[in-house]
Amino acid sequence: MDELGRKLRLEVALEQVLRGRAAILEIGRHRRRELDDLVVEQRRPDLKTWLANDILVKVDRMSMASSLEVRAPLLDHKVIEFAATLPSDLKYRGWTSKYLLKKHLEGRVPDRVIHRPKQGKSIKSSTIR
């Protein structure tokens, strides 16, 4: 009976551990959904206002003034719609943004290009009319 009792106690303990792990995973999934919702809500104003009414206007005016043809391939509506479906941990990893894109490009594009800092140019507001 001792051996049977020990096995029974082990099975009960294992079941409790598995239930506890399942509960922890569910809490993790819930918090991840909350984080995703928070990130989406924080980025929405940028997408709707700052990007469309500020950054893209400046890029358009400065490129026309310089006789340059400028493209923004990551702003294609299909890319935006796909990115909106991704969980936050595939968009951001630590301080790295566009995480999934950069992982996809590794081995296809030189690392120095993938991980280089942004190269924006500052302009005086008086030049934009």
Protein backbone atom coordinates (compact mmCIF):
# COMPACT_ATOMS: atom_id res chain seq x y z
CA MET A 1 0.00 0.00 0.00
CA ASP A 2 2.93 2.37 0.62
CA GLU A 3 4.05 2.15 -3.01
CA LEU A 4 0.51 2.65 -4.29
CA GLY A 5 -0.05 5.58 -1.90
CA ARG A 6 3.24 7.18 -3.02
CA LYS A 7 2.28 6.84 -6.72
CA LEU A 8 -1.15 8.27 -5.99
CA ARG A 9 0.36 11.25 -4.17
CA LEU A 10 2.77 11.82 -7.08
CA GLU A 11 -0.10 11.74 -9.59
CA VAL A 12 -2.11 14.22 -7.51
CA ALA A 13 0.93 16.48 -7.13
CA LEU A 14 1.63 16.30 -10.89
CA GLU A 15 -2.00 17.15 -11.67
CA GLN A 16 -1.82 20.17 -9.36
CA VAL A 17 1.40 21.34 -11.00
CA LEU A 18 -0.14 21.00 -14.47
CA ARG A 19 -3.28 22.89 -13.40
CA GLY A 20 -1.11 25.61 -11.91
CA ARG A 21 0.95 25.85 -15.09
CA ALA A 22 -2.22 26.07 -17.20
CA ALA A 23 -3.50 28.86 -14.95
CA ILE A 24 -0.20 30.75 -15.26
CA LEU A 25 -0.27 30.39 -19.06
CA GLU A 26 -3.84 31.70 -19.18
CA ILE A 27 -2.84 34.71 -17.07
CA GLY A 28 0.08 35.27 -19.46
CA ARG A 29 -2.22 35.14 -22.51
CA HIS A 30 -4.62 37.58 -20.85
CA ARG A 31 -1.82 40.04 -20.02
CA ARG A 32 -0.43 39.73 -23.53
CA ARG A 33 -3.83 40.65 -24.98
CA GLU A 34 -3.96 43.64 -22.62
CA LEU A 35 -0.47 44.70 -23.74
CA ASP A 36 -1.39 44.32 -27.41
CA ASP A 37 -4.49 46.45 -26.88
CA LEU A 38 -2.43 49.10 -25.08
CA VAL A 39 0.19 49.23 -27.84
CA VAL A 40 -2.49 49.50 -30.54
CA GLU A 41 -4.24 52.32 -28.67
CA GLN A 42 -0.97 54.21 -28.17
CA ARG A 43 0.07 53.92 -31.83
CA ARG A 44 -3.33 54.76 -33.35
CA PRO A 45 -3.04 58.58 -32.96
CA ASP A 46 0.39 58.50 -34.63
CA LEU A 47 -1.00 56.59 -37.58
CA LYS A 48 -4.07 58.79 -37.96
CA THR A 49 -2.59 62.25 -37.32
CA TRP A 50 1.16 62.65 -36.93
CA LEU A 51 2.13 60.38 -39.81
CA ALA A 52 -0.48 61.53 -42.31
CA ASN A 53 -0.63 65.22 -41.43
CA ASP A 54 2.99 65.91 -40.51
CA ILE A 55 5.68 63.45 -41.52
CA LEU A 56 4.35 62.40 -44.92
CA VAL A 57 3.58 66.01 -45.86
CA LYS A 58 7.15 67.07 -45.03
CA VAL A 59 8.63 64.13 -46.93
CA ASP A 60 6.45 64.90 -49.93
CA ARG A 61 7.32 68.61 -50.00
CA MET A 62 11.05 68.11 -49.46
CA SER A 63 11.29 65.34 -52.05
CA MET A 64 9.47 67.50 -54.63
CA ALA A 65 11.74 70.45 -53.80
CA SER A 66 14.75 68.20 -54.40
CA SER A 67 13.29 66.52 -57.51
CA LEU A 68 13.35 63.14 -55.78
CA GLU A 69 10.90 60.29 -56.12
CA VAL A 70 10.19 58.95 -52.63
CA ARG A 71 8.40 55.71 -51.84
CA ALA A 72 7.08 54.43 -48.50
CA PRO A 73 6.59 50.69 -49.15
CA LEU A 74 5.88 49.87 -45.50
CA LEU A 75 2.84 52.15 -45.66
CA ASP A 76 1.04 50.05 -48.26
CA HIS A 77 -2.44 49.34 -46.87
CA LYS A 78 -1.91 45.56 -47.10
CA VAL A 79 1.27 45.81 -45.03
CA ILE A 80 -0.47 48.03 -42.45
CA GLU A 81 -3.44 45.67 -42.24
CA PHE A 82 -1.15 42.65 -41.77
CA ALA A 83 0.95 44.42 -39.13
CA ALA A 84 -2.21 45.34 -37.23
CA THR A 85 -2.95 41.63 -36.75
CA LEU A 86 0.46 40.83 -35.23
CA PRO A 87 0.95 40.52 -31.49
CA SER A 88 3.14 43.15 -29.83
CA ASP A 89 6.04 40.80 -29.18
CA LEU A 90 6.50 40.36 -32.93
CA LYS A 91 6.47 44.11 -33.52
CA TYR A 92 8.70 45.15 -30.63
CA ARG A 93 11.40 43.27 -28.77
CA GLY A 94 13.00 45.40 -26.09
CA TRP A 95 13.99 48.63 -27.80
CA THR A 96 13.88 47.04 -31.25
CA SER A 97 10.94 48.05 -33.43
CA LYS A 98 9.90 46.18 -36.60
CA TYR A 99 11.25 43.02 -34.94
CA LEU A 100 9.56 40.50 -37.27
CA LEU A 101 10.61 42.41 -40.40
CA LYS A 102 14.23 42.60 -39.23
CA LYS A 103 14.27 38.87 -38.39
CA HIS A 104 12.85 38.11 -41.84
CA LEU A 105 15.54 40.21 -43.54
CA GLU A 106 18.47 38.63 -41.65
CA GLY A 107 20.60 36.69 -44.11
CA ARG A 108 18.98 38.53 -47.03
CA VAL A 109 20.14 42.06 -46.27
CA PRO A 110 23.46 43.00 -44.61
CA ASP A 111 23.18 43.39 -40.81
CA ARG A 112 24.68 46.88 -41.03
CA VAL A 113 21.65 47.93 -43.10
CA ILE A 114 19.04 46.17 -40.93
CA HIS A 115 20.32 47.52 -37.63
CA ARG A 116 21.51 50.99 -38.61
CA PRO A 117 19.98 54.00 -36.87
CA LYS A 118 17.38 56.13 -38.61
CA GLN A 119 18.78 58.69 -41.03
CA GLY A 120 16.18 61.42 -40.94
CA LYS A 121 17.05 64.94 -41.97
CA SER A 122 15.94 67.91 -39.95
CA ILE A 123 14.47 70.88 -41.77
CA LYS A 124 13.53 74.36 -40.68
CA SER A 125 9.81 74.97 -40.58
CA SER A 126 10.35 78.23 -42.46
CA THR A 127 11.41 76.23 -45.55
CA ILE A 128 8.05 74.47 -45.73
CA ARG A 129 5.32 76.58 -47.27
